[in-house]
N, C-alpha and C. Protein backbone atom coordinates (compact mmCIF):
# COMPACT_ATOMS: atom_id res chain seq x y z
N MET A 1 28.36 17.83 25.83
CA MET A 1 27.10 18.60 25.39
C MET A 1 26.72 18.89 23.85
N ILE A 2 28.46 18.98 23.59
CA ILE A 2 28.45 19.47 21.91
C ILE A 2 27.88 18.32 21.22
N LEU A 3 28.51 17.05 21.49
CA LEU A 3 28.25 15.96 21.11
C LEU A 3 27.10 15.57 21.24
N ALA A 4 26.03 16.09 22.24
CA ALA A 4 24.99 15.65 22.30
C ALA A 4 23.47 15.98 21.29
N VAL A 5 23.68 17.48 21.05
CA VAL A 5 23.05 17.24 19.97
C VAL A 5 23.01 16.71 18.36
N PRO A 6 23.72 16.29 17.68
CA PRO A 6 24.27 15.92 16.88
C PRO A 6 24.07 14.29 16.86
N ILE A 7 24.00 14.02 17.97
CA ILE A 7 23.67 12.22 18.42
C ILE A 7 21.85 12.22 18.57
N LEU A 8 21.60 13.37 19.32
CA LEU A 8 19.96 13.76 18.96
C LEU A 8 19.74 13.61 17.65
N ILE A 9 19.54 14.41 16.69
CA ILE A 9 19.09 14.84 15.66
C ILE A 9 19.69 13.11 14.84
N ALA A 10 20.76 12.43 14.98
CA ALA A 10 20.56 11.03 14.44
C ALA A 10 19.36 10.03 15.17
N VAL A 11 19.33 10.17 16.47
CA VAL A 11 18.56 9.55 16.95
C VAL A 11 16.98 9.71 16.53
N THR A 12 16.93 11.17 16.43
CA THR A 12 15.40 11.44 15.89
C THR A 12 15.28 10.95 14.28
N LEU A 13 16.06 11.40 13.62
CA LEU A 13 15.73 10.58 12.48
C LEU A 13 15.83 9.42 12.60
N PHE A 14 16.55 8.69 12.78
CA PHE A 14 16.33 7.10 12.47
C PHE A 14 15.19 6.48 13.32
N LEU A 15 14.71 7.28 14.35
CA LEU A 15 13.57 6.85 14.71
C LEU A 15 12.01 6.88 13.98
N GLY A 16 12.82 8.32 13.13
CA GLY A 16 11.42 8.67 12.44
C GLY A 16 11.41 7.77 10.77
N TRP A 17 12.40 7.42 10.87
CA TRP A 17 12.64 6.20 9.75
C TRP A 17 11.95 5.03 9.63
N VAL A 18 12.33 4.97 11.26
CA VAL A 18 11.54 3.69 11.69
C VAL A 18 10.05 3.85 11.69
N LEU A 19 9.44 4.54 11.98
CA LEU A 19 8.15 5.29 12.28
C LEU A 19 7.69 4.92 10.92
N VAL A 20 8.02 5.67 9.90
CA VAL A 20 7.62 5.37 8.20
C VAL A 20 7.68 4.23 8.19
N ALA A 21 8.89 3.79 8.17
CA ALA A 21 9.00 2.16 7.70
C ALA A 21 7.58 1.09 8.19
N LEU A 22 7.27 1.06 9.62
CA LEU A 22 6.08 0.35 10.13
C LEU A 22 4.56 0.93 9.88
N ALA A 23 4.61 2.53 9.28
CA ALA A 23 3.54 2.61 9.52
C ALA A 23 3.06 2.34 7.65
N ILE A 24 4.47 2.22 6.49
CA ILE A 24 4.34 1.86 5.39
C ILE A 24 3.78 0.18 5.42
N ASN A 25 4.00 -0.79 6.21
CA ASN A 25 4.12 -1.88 6.58
C ASN A 25 2.85 -2.11 7.26
N ALA A 26 2.22 -1.09 7.70
CA ALA A 26 0.98 -1.34 8.78
C ALA A 26 0.27 -2.53 8.59
N LEU A 27 -0.37 -3.26 7.62
CA LEU A 27 -1.22 -4.27 7.86
C LEU A 27 -0.42 -5.73 8.06
N PRO A 28 0.20 -5.81 7.62
CA PRO A 28 1.34 -7.24 7.75
C PRO A 28 1.52 -7.22 9.00
N LEU A 29 2.36 -6.06 9.57
CA LEU A 29 2.82 -5.44 10.91
C LEU A 29 1.72 -5.57 12.07
N PHE A 30 0.48 -5.21 11.41
CA PHE A 30 -0.96 -5.68 12.39
C PHE A 30 -1.28 -6.72 12.44
N SER A 31 -1.53 -7.69 11.65
CA SER A 31 -1.73 -8.81 11.10
C SER A 31 -0.86 -9.69 12.09
N GLY A 32 0.66 -9.56 11.81
CA GLY A 32 1.44 -10.48 12.09
C GLY A 32 1.42 -9.98 13.65
N VAL A 33 0.99 -9.43 14.72
CA VAL A 33 1.22 -8.91 15.68
C VAL A 33 -0.04 -9.44 16.51
N SER A 34 -1.26 -9.22 16.03
CA SER A 34 -2.40 -9.89 16.46
C SER A 34 -2.20 -11.15 16.29
N THR A 35 -2.02 -11.76 14.91
CA THR A 35 -1.68 -13.43 15.16
C THR A 35 -1.08 -14.07 16.44
N GLY A 36 0.14 -13.17 16.49
CA GLY A 36 1.51 -13.59 17.23
C GLY A 36 0.40 -13.49 19.14
N LEU A 37 -0.03 -12.33 19.56
CA LEU A 37 -0.73 -12.08 20.56
C LEU A 37 -1.90 -13.23 20.40
N LEU A 38 -2.96 -13.60 19.91
CA LEU A 38 -3.86 -14.41 19.49
C LEU A 38 -3.18 -16.06 20.32
N VAL A 39 -2.34 -16.35 19.54
CA VAL A 39 -1.71 -17.36 19.41
C VAL A 39 -1.03 -17.84 21.09
N LEU A 40 0.13 -16.49 21.48
CA LEU A 40 0.44 -16.31 22.81
C LEU A 40 -0.54 -16.33 24.09
N GLY A 41 -2.21 -15.87 23.84
CA GLY A 41 -2.92 -16.62 24.44
C GLY A 41 -3.48 -17.92 24.50
N TRP A 42 -3.66 -18.52 23.56
CA TRP A 42 -3.72 -19.68 23.17
C TRP A 42 -3.05 -20.85 23.91
N SER A 43 -1.52 -20.47 23.81
CA SER A 43 -0.61 -21.41 23.97
C SER A 43 0.36 -21.45 25.12
N ASP A 44 -0.13 -20.27 25.36
CA ASP A 44 1.29 -19.56 26.70
C ASP A 44 2.96 -19.85 26.41
N SER A 45 3.04 -20.01 25.23
CA SER A 45 4.72 -20.38 24.68
C SER A 45 5.01 -18.96 23.57
N VAL A 46 5.89 -18.30 24.66
CA VAL A 46 6.33 -17.10 23.26
C VAL A 46 7.05 -17.39 22.19
N ALA A 47 7.56 -18.74 22.13
CA ALA A 47 8.10 -18.52 20.57
C ALA A 47 7.20 -19.25 19.79
N GLU A 48 5.70 -19.94 20.29
CA GLU A 48 4.97 -20.40 19.30
C GLU A 48 3.87 -18.90 18.63
N GLY A 49 3.96 -18.22 19.71
CA GLY A 49 3.03 -16.51 19.57
C GLY A 49 4.63 -15.76 18.09
N LEU A 50 5.65 -15.61 18.54
CA LEU A 50 6.52 -15.20 17.64
C LEU A 50 6.73 -15.54 16.22
N ILE A 51 7.18 -16.82 16.17
CA ILE A 51 6.63 -17.89 15.31
C ILE A 51 5.37 -17.72 14.22
N ALA A 52 4.17 -17.43 14.63
CA ALA A 52 3.09 -17.70 13.91
C ALA A 52 2.94 -16.28 13.63
N GLY A 53 3.24 -15.45 14.28
CA GLY A 53 3.42 -13.71 14.32
C GLY A 53 4.11 -13.66 12.72
N VAL A 54 5.33 -14.03 12.86
CA VAL A 54 6.02 -13.47 11.75
C VAL A 54 5.51 -14.25 10.75
N LEU A 55 5.23 -15.74 10.49
CA LEU A 55 4.78 -15.98 9.11
C LEU A 55 3.51 -15.63 8.75
N VAL A 56 2.33 -15.04 9.66
CA VAL A 56 1.72 -14.50 9.27
C VAL A 56 1.76 -13.31 8.55
N GLY A 57 2.85 -12.37 8.96
CA GLY A 57 3.26 -11.18 8.77
C GLY A 57 3.77 -11.33 7.30
N ILE A 58 4.41 -12.34 6.96
CA ILE A 58 5.13 -12.63 5.97
C ILE A 58 4.62 -12.99 4.53
N VAL A 59 3.23 -13.92 5.22
CA VAL A 59 2.08 -14.33 4.62
C VAL A 59 1.11 -13.28 3.61
N VAL A 60 1.09 -12.47 4.45
CA VAL A 60 0.15 -10.91 4.09
C VAL A 60 0.95 -10.12 3.14
N ALA A 61 2.57 -10.25 3.51
CA ALA A 61 3.18 -9.23 2.93
C ALA A 61 3.48 -9.63 1.39
N THR A 62 3.29 -10.87 1.75
CA THR A 62 3.75 -11.85 -0.06
C THR A 62 2.33 -11.92 -0.67
N ILE A 63 1.59 -12.38 0.03
CA ILE A 63 -0.14 -12.68 -1.08
C ILE A 63 -0.40 -11.29 -1.66
N GLY A 64 -0.50 -10.31 -1.03
CA GLY A 64 -0.75 -8.78 -1.20
C GLY A 64 -0.70 -8.60 -2.91
N PRO A 65 0.95 -7.89 -2.69
CA PRO A 65 1.31 -7.93 -4.16
C PRO A 65 1.50 -9.34 -5.38
N VAL A 66 1.40 -10.60 -4.69
CA VAL A 66 0.77 -11.68 -5.96
C VAL A 66 -0.62 -11.30 -6.22
N ALA A 67 -1.56 -11.18 -5.59
CA ALA A 67 -2.68 -10.81 -5.56
C ALA A 67 -3.15 -10.06 -6.64
N PHE A 68 -2.43 -8.61 -6.24
CA PHE A 68 -2.14 -7.63 -7.33
C PHE A 68 -1.78 -7.72 -8.29
N SER A 69 -0.66 -8.51 -8.53
CA SER A 69 -0.34 -8.43 -9.91
C SER A 69 -1.28 -9.42 -10.91
N ARG A 70 -1.45 -10.45 -10.45
CA ARG A 70 -2.57 -11.62 -10.86
C ARG A 70 -3.96 -10.94 -11.24
N ALA A 71 -5.04 -10.28 -11.20
CA ALA A 71 -6.01 -9.48 -10.78
C ALA A 71 -6.40 -8.92 -12.00
N ARG A 72 -6.73 -9.17 -13.02
CA ARG A 72 -7.37 -8.89 -14.07
C ARG A 72 -8.04 -7.29 -14.06
N SER A 73 -8.77 -7.00 -13.13
CA SER A 73 -10.10 -5.96 -13.00
C SER A 73 -9.39 -4.68 -11.80
N PRO A 74 -9.64 -3.80 -13.07
CA PRO A 74 -8.55 -2.33 -11.70
C PRO A 74 -9.35 -2.57 -11.04
N ILE A 75 -10.90 -2.41 -10.52
CA ILE A 75 -11.20 -2.38 -9.44
C ILE A 75 -10.86 -3.25 -8.23
N VAL A 76 -10.98 -4.46 -8.45
CA VAL A 76 -9.96 -5.53 -7.55
C VAL A 76 -8.69 -5.08 -7.32
N ARG A 77 -7.91 -4.33 -8.08
CA ARG A 77 -6.28 -4.05 -7.66
C ARG A 77 -6.33 -3.02 -7.04
N LEU A 78 -7.50 -2.14 -7.14
CA LEU A 78 -7.68 -0.92 -6.20
C LEU A 78 -8.08 -1.22 -4.79
N VAL A 79 -9.04 -1.98 -4.55
CA VAL A 79 -9.09 -2.37 -3.57
C VAL A 79 -8.16 -2.78 -2.58
N ILE A 80 -7.33 -3.60 -3.65
CA ILE A 80 -6.25 -4.57 -2.98
C ILE A 80 -5.21 -3.60 -1.98
N VAL A 81 -4.74 -2.47 -2.97
CA VAL A 81 -3.60 -1.83 -2.91
C VAL A 81 -4.63 -0.96 -1.60
N LEU A 82 -5.79 -0.28 -1.80
CA LEU A 82 -6.13 0.50 -0.59
C LEU A 82 -6.02 -0.29 0.72
N ALA A 83 -6.58 -1.62 0.65
CA ALA A 83 -6.52 -2.71 1.65
C ALA A 83 -4.91 -2.68 2.51
N PHE A 84 -3.96 -2.15 1.41
CA PHE A 84 -2.46 -2.26 2.54
C PHE A 84 -2.19 -0.54 2.61
N ALA A 85 -2.45 0.06 1.56
CA ALA A 85 -2.11 1.89 1.36
C ALA A 85 -2.92 2.69 2.84
N GLY A 86 -4.62 2.16 3.20
CA GLY A 86 -5.11 2.70 3.50
C GLY A 86 -4.66 2.58 5.63
N PRO A 87 -4.35 1.42 5.70
CA PRO A 87 -3.76 1.36 6.98
C PRO A 87 -2.61 2.38 6.91
N ALA A 88 -1.98 1.86 5.81
CA ALA A 88 -0.31 2.82 6.65
C ALA A 88 -0.68 4.70 6.78
N ALA A 89 -2.04 4.31 5.63
CA ALA A 89 -2.08 6.02 6.02
C ALA A 89 -2.93 6.73 7.69
N ALA A 90 -3.69 5.86 7.60
CA ALA A 90 -4.03 5.70 8.90
C ALA A 90 -2.98 5.92 10.38
N ALA A 91 -2.24 4.64 9.94
CA ALA A 91 -1.07 4.78 11.21
C ALA A 91 0.13 6.32 11.51
N ALA A 92 0.47 6.50 10.20
CA ALA A 92 0.97 7.57 9.77
C ALA A 92 -0.03 8.51 10.52
N TYR A 93 -1.22 9.09 10.14
CA TYR A 93 -2.05 10.26 10.83
C TYR A 93 -1.42 10.44 12.22
N HIS A 94 -1.88 9.10 13.01
CA HIS A 94 -2.19 8.91 14.82
C HIS A 94 -0.89 8.85 14.76
N ALA A 95 -0.21 8.60 14.27
CA ALA A 95 1.30 8.94 14.85
C ALA A 95 2.01 10.23 15.06
N ALA A 96 1.62 10.96 13.46
CA ALA A 96 1.88 12.09 13.37
C ALA A 96 1.33 13.27 14.55
N LEU A 97 -0.03 12.94 14.47
CA LEU A 97 -0.85 13.26 15.22
C LEU A 97 -0.44 13.39 17.06
N GLY A 98 0.42 12.57 16.95
CA GLY A 98 1.05 12.19 18.64
C GLY A 98 2.03 13.08 18.27
N LEU A 99 2.90 13.12 17.53
CA LEU A 99 4.08 13.79 17.44
C LEU A 99 4.02 15.28 17.19
N PHE A 100 2.85 15.69 16.73
CA PHE A 100 3.05 17.01 16.58
C PHE A 100 2.24 17.57 17.64
N GLY A 101 1.25 16.92 18.21
CA GLY A 101 0.97 17.45 19.17
C GLY A 101 1.80 17.59 20.64
N HIS A 102 2.58 17.53 20.29
CA HIS A 102 3.81 17.84 21.49
C HIS A 102 4.27 19.05 21.42
N LEU A 103 4.56 19.47 19.68
CA LEU A 103 5.68 20.15 18.90
C LEU A 103 4.36 21.52 18.73
N VAL A 104 3.07 21.61 18.32
CA VAL A 104 2.05 22.60 18.18
C VAL A 104 0.91 22.14 18.86
N ALA A 105 0.43 23.54 19.27
CA ALA A 105 -1.10 23.61 20.07
C ALA A 105 -1.58 22.32 19.35
N HIS A 106 -2.62 21.65 19.97
CA HIS A 106 -3.61 20.62 19.03
C HIS A 106 -4.69 21.94 18.58
N GLY A 107 -5.23 21.44 17.50
CA GLY A 107 -6.04 22.32 16.60
C GLY A 107 -5.62 22.43 15.11
N ALA A 108 -6.20 23.06 14.64
CA ALA A 108 -5.96 22.90 13.07
C ALA A 108 -4.65 22.67 12.05
N ALA A 109 -3.49 23.30 12.89
CA ALA A 109 -2.21 23.29 12.29
C ALA A 109 -2.05 21.73 12.77
N CYS A 110 -2.39 21.51 13.76
CA CYS A 110 -1.70 19.91 14.31
C CYS A 110 -2.44 19.03 12.98
N ASP A 111 -4.01 19.05 13.35
CA ASP A 111 -4.25 18.08 11.88
C ASP A 111 -4.26 18.00 10.77
N ALA A 112 -3.77 19.50 10.70
CA ALA A 112 -2.87 19.97 8.66
C ALA A 112 -2.18 18.87 8.56
N LEU A 113 -0.57 19.20 9.69
CA LEU A 113 0.12 18.44 9.83
C LEU A 113 0.04 17.02 9.95
N ALA A 114 -0.56 16.66 10.51
CA ALA A 114 -0.86 15.01 10.82
C ALA A 114 -2.04 14.36 8.71
N LEU A 115 -2.32 15.34 8.31
CA LEU A 115 -3.33 15.17 7.37
C LEU A 115 -2.39 14.87 6.19
N VAL A 116 -1.06 15.75 6.09
CA VAL A 116 0.27 15.53 5.00
C VAL A 116 1.05 14.89 5.43
N ALA A 117 1.10 14.26 6.67
CA ALA A 117 1.65 13.19 6.88
C ALA A 117 1.04 11.92 6.72
N ALA A 118 0.00 11.83 6.93
CA ALA A 118 -0.95 10.80 6.08
C ALA A 118 -0.85 10.65 4.83
N PHE A 119 -1.03 12.12 4.00
CA PHE A 119 -0.92 11.07 2.41
C PHE A 119 0.30 10.79 2.24
N LEU A 120 1.26 11.72 2.53
CA LEU A 120 3.15 11.27 2.21
C LEU A 120 3.26 9.80 2.64
N VAL A 121 2.96 9.18 3.84
CA VAL A 121 2.85 7.67 3.93
C VAL A 121 2.51 6.75 3.19
N GLY A 122 0.30 7.33 2.93
CA GLY A 122 -0.15 6.54 2.14
C GLY A 122 0.18 6.31 0.68
N SER A 123 0.70 7.65 0.00
CA SER A 123 1.29 7.59 -1.07
C SER A 123 2.83 7.00 -1.08
N ALA A 124 3.36 6.56 -0.03
CA ALA A 124 4.27 6.06 -0.38
C ALA A 124 4.35 4.45 -0.24
N ALA A 125 3.05 4.37 0.78
CA ALA A 125 2.98 2.76 0.79
C ALA A 125 2.27 2.30 -0.53
N TRP A 126 1.39 3.40 -1.54
CA TRP A 126 0.94 2.85 -2.52
C TRP A 126 1.69 2.52 -3.44
N ARG A 127 3.03 3.22 -3.58
CA ARG A 127 4.12 3.19 -4.21
C ARG A 127 4.99 1.90 -4.19
N ARG A 128 4.84 1.48 -2.93
CA ARG A 128 5.89 0.47 -2.28
C ARG A 128 5.35 -0.37 -2.95
N PHE A 129 4.05 -0.58 -2.57
CA PHE A 129 3.07 -1.61 -2.72
C PHE A 129 3.35 -2.00 -4.32
N ALA A 130 2.76 -0.91 -5.35
CA ALA A 130 3.16 -1.23 -6.69
C ALA A 130 4.25 -1.65 -6.96
N ASP A 131 5.47 -0.95 -6.44
CA ASP A 131 6.67 -1.73 -6.70
C ASP A 131 7.32 -3.29 -6.66
N ARG A 132 6.60 -3.48 -5.23
CA ARG A 132 6.38 -5.24 -4.73
C ARG A 132 5.66 -6.09 -6.36
N ALA A 133 4.35 -5.59 -6.38
CA ALA A 133 3.40 -6.45 -7.32
C ALA A 133 3.98 -6.34 -8.46
N GLY A 134 5.15 -5.20 -9.10
CA GLY A 134 5.64 -5.27 -10.41
C GLY A 134 7.11 -6.27 -10.46
N ARG A 135 7.23 -6.71 -9.13
CA ARG A 135 7.80 -8.07 -9.50
C ARG A 135 7.44 -9.23 -9.98
N PHE A 136 5.63 -9.52 -9.43
CA PHE A 136 5.37 -10.56 -10.11
C PHE A 136 4.61 -10.28 -11.64
N LEU A 137 4.42 -9.69 -12.58
CA LEU A 137 3.76 -9.51 -13.48
C LEU A 137 4.47 -10.01 -14.32
N PRO A 138 3.78 -10.64 -15.75
CA PRO A 138 4.27 -11.36 -16.89
C PRO A 138 5.78 -10.37 -16.93
N VAL A 139 6.71 -11.26 -17.71
CA VAL A 139 7.70 -10.37 -18.56
C VAL A 139 7.53 -10.49 -19.62
N ASP A 140 8.49 -9.49 -20.65
CA ASP A 140 8.11 -9.42 -22.22
C ASP A 140 9.12 -10.50 -22.40
N GLY A 141 8.61 -11.32 -23.37
CA GLY A 141 9.93 -12.32 -23.86
C GLY A 141 9.77 -13.66 -23.31
N PRO A 142 10.82 -14.52 -23.12
CA PRO A 142 10.66 -15.86 -23.05
C PRO A 142 10.20 -15.90 -21.69
N ALA A 143 9.43 -16.67 -21.37
CA ALA A 143 8.86 -16.79 -19.92
C ALA A 143 10.28 -17.36 -19.25
N GLN A 144 10.01 -16.74 -17.71
CA GLN A 144 11.26 -17.21 -16.82
C GLN A 144 10.89 -17.93 -15.89
N ALA A 145 10.51 -18.46 -15.46
CA ALA A 145 10.13 -19.25 -13.74
C ALA A 145 8.59 -19.51 -13.94
N GLY A 146 7.78 -19.61 -14.66
CA GLY A 146 6.35 -19.72 -15.05
C GLY A 146 5.79 -18.21 -15.76
N GLY A 147 6.83 -17.53 -16.11
CA GLY A 147 6.30 -16.26 -16.94
C GLY A 147 6.34 -15.48 -16.01
N TYR A 148 6.48 -15.61 -14.63
CA TYR A 148 6.55 -14.00 -13.89
C TYR A 148 8.10 -13.97 -13.56
N GLY A 149 8.51 -12.89 -13.04
CA GLY A 149 9.61 -12.25 -12.58
C GLY A 149 9.81 -10.79 -12.53
N PRO A 150 11.01 -10.03 -12.89
CA PRO A 150 10.63 -8.48 -12.71
C PRO A 150 10.14 -8.33 -14.06
N ALA A 151 9.39 -7.21 -13.61
CA ALA A 151 8.87 -7.04 -14.70
C ALA A 151 10.06 -5.89 -16.11
N ARG A 152 9.53 -6.19 -17.25
CA ARG A 152 10.38 -6.00 -18.49
C ARG A 152 12.04 -5.72 -18.17
N SER A 153 12.27 -4.53 -17.55
CA SER A 153 14.12 -4.56 -17.50
C SER A 153 14.66 -4.75 -16.30
N GLY A 154 13.75 -4.85 -15.32
CA GLY A 154 13.72 -5.43 -13.80
C GLY A 154 13.58 -3.95 -13.05
N ARG A 155 13.30 -3.23 -13.83
CA ARG A 155 13.18 -1.71 -13.51
C ARG A 155 11.15 -1.34 -12.90
N THR A 156 10.84 -1.12 -11.92
CA THR A 156 9.75 -0.96 -11.95
C THR A 156 9.48 0.10 -10.89
N ASP A 157 10.05 1.41 -11.66
CA ASP A 157 10.14 2.90 -10.85
C ASP A 157 8.43 3.16 -10.52
N ASN A 158 8.02 3.01 -12.33
CA ASN A 158 6.54 3.90 -12.37
C ASN A 158 5.83 2.73 -12.37
N SER A 159 5.88 1.63 -11.72
CA SER A 159 4.74 0.77 -11.80
C SER A 159 3.38 1.77 -11.58
N GLY A 160 3.26 2.14 -10.12
CA GLY A 160 1.95 3.01 -9.36
C GLY A 160 1.70 3.82 -10.60
N VAL A 161 2.40 4.46 -11.51
CA VAL A 161 2.21 5.25 -12.79
C VAL A 161 0.90 4.20 -13.65
N ARG A 162 2.04 3.18 -13.79
CA ARG A 162 1.18 2.46 -14.70
C ARG A 162 0.12 2.07 -14.19
N PHE A 163 -0.18 1.67 -12.85
CA PHE A 163 -1.54 0.94 -12.65
C PHE A 163 -2.43 2.26 -12.61
N LEU A 164 -2.45 3.78 -12.33
CA LEU A 164 -3.23 4.81 -12.30
C LEU A 164 -3.38 4.55 -13.91
N GLU A 165 -2.62 4.70 -14.52
CA GLU A 165 -2.73 4.86 -16.18
C GLU A 165 -3.85 3.95 -16.73
N ALA A 166 -3.65 2.58 -16.18
CA ALA A 166 -4.71 1.51 -17.06
C ALA A 166 -5.74 1.29 -16.32
N PHE A 167 -6.35 1.92 -14.98
CA PHE A 167 -7.13 2.43 -14.01
C PHE A 167 -8.02 2.94 -14.97
N VAL A 168 -7.33 4.38 -15.19
CA VAL A 168 -8.12 5.10 -16.09
C VAL A 168 -8.49 4.60 -17.36
N GLU A 169 -7.42 4.40 -17.89
CA GLU A 169 -7.82 3.83 -19.48
C GLU A 169 -9.21 2.52 -19.13
N ALA A 170 -8.96 1.56 -17.96
CA ALA A 170 -10.13 0.05 -18.17
C ALA A 170 -11.39 1.22 -17.86
N GLU A 171 -11.33 2.44 -17.17
CA GLU A 171 -12.57 2.70 -16.88
C GLU A 171 -13.63 3.58 -18.16
N ALA A 172 -12.29 4.28 -18.78
CA ALA A 172 -12.51 5.29 -19.91
C ALA A 172 -13.29 3.94 -20.87
N THR A 173 -12.76 3.20 -21.04
CA THR A 173 -13.29 1.89 -22.50
C THR A 173 -14.27 1.02 -22.04
N ALA A 174 -14.80 1.00 -20.71
CA ALA A 174 -15.82 0.61 -19.98
C ALA A 174 -17.05 1.27 -20.06
N ALA A 175 -16.56 2.49 -20.34
CA ALA A 175 -17.64 3.52 -19.93
C ALA A 175 -17.98 3.60 -21.50
N GLN A 176 -17.02 3.76 -22.29
CA GLN A 176 -17.57 3.78 -23.97
C GLN A 176 -18.32 2.85 -24.21
N SER A 177 -17.90 1.90 -23.96
CA SER A 177 -18.32 0.47 -24.38
C SER A 177 -19.94 0.31 -23.53
N GLY A 178 -20.46 0.94 -23.06
CA GLY A 178 -21.52 0.92 -21.93
C GLY A 178 -21.67 -0.46 -20.91
N LYS A 179 -20.34 -1.09 -21.00
CA LYS A 179 -20.26 -2.16 -19.91
C LYS A 179 -20.26 -2.53 -18.82
N ASP A 180 -20.18 -0.20 -17.96
CA ASP A 180 -19.96 -0.57 -16.68
C ASP A 180 -21.44 -0.06 -16.09
N GLY A 181 -22.29 -0.71 -16.87
CA GLY A 181 -23.67 -0.83 -15.41
C GLY A 181 -24.24 0.53 -15.65
N VAL A 182 -23.94 1.86 -16.54
CA VAL A 182 -24.80 3.11 -16.68
C VAL A 182 -25.53 2.73 -17.85
N MET A 183 -26.86 3.32 -17.11
CA MET A 183 -27.47 3.01 -18.82
C MET A 183 -27.53 4.61 -19.47
N ARG A 184 -26.95 4.51 -20.62
CA ARG A 184 -26.64 5.98 -21.68
C ARG A 184 -28.18 5.89 -22.32
N PRO A 185 -28.63 6.84 -22.76
CA PRO A 185 -29.34 7.20 -24.08
C PRO A 185 -28.22 6.81 -25.21
N THR A 186 -29.17 6.70 -26.08
CA THR A 186 -28.68 6.65 -27.17
C THR A 186 -29.60 7.27 -28.43
N ILE A 187 -28.77 7.33 -29.15
CA ILE A 187 -29.68 7.91 -30.09
C ILE A 187 -29.89 7.69 -31.55
N MET A 188 -30.71 6.91 -31.85
CA MET A 188 -31.33 6.12 -33.14
C MET A 188 -30.75 6.87 -34.20
N PRO A 189 -30.03 6.29 -35.27
CA PRO A 189 -30.14 7.09 -36.59
C PRO A 189 -31.12 7.34 -37.10
N ALA A 190 -31.87 7.95 -38.25
CA ALA A 190 -32.67 8.41 -38.83
C ALA A 190 -32.88 7.07 -39.64
N PRO A 191 -34.18 6.60 -40.21
CA PRO A 191 -34.53 5.38 -40.70
C PRO A 191 -34.41 5.99 -42.49
N THR A 192 -33.58 4.92 -42.97
CA THR A 192 -33.44 5.41 -44.63
C THR A 192 -35.18 4.56 -45.19
N ARG A 193 -35.05 5.59 -46.19
CA ARG A 193 -36.08 5.13 -47.08
C ARG A 193 -35.40 4.53 -48.74
């Protein structure tokens, strides 16, 4: 009985880690599982469904960061990163709502805890996605493998922050230059005589 408590705590922490890891990768996981089930329904072969699901999951997990790093527009980058972080936050919200529903009475407290979990996992997904995309950013200095590789010193610890700073800077530049599609009144200088 004494060993049961530490083992139970270890198993609970491990399952929580697995749940967060799966929630962070919600879009590739959902794409792979959906494709695998679709192929399984068409071909009646478990092996074909497994292979198709794994391949689609890998392609989605790889294409996203590459598209993010190659996109020039901050709006396109925001849409791409939200396509990955949004499902992660939604998966975390529903998983946390189910878990906290067993611990806390359903109501405002349960919803608040689930929203906090969704925010934390969504932020972690955003950060992990930006770190993955940082591997495909152009390197400073001589080109390596077509000019793409580990960003700068190989560390991408603050690539999520760099993305947000670049997004805010691009929006401010567009607003100042008038190229953001918003009509602004201009004051004409007085004519000189």
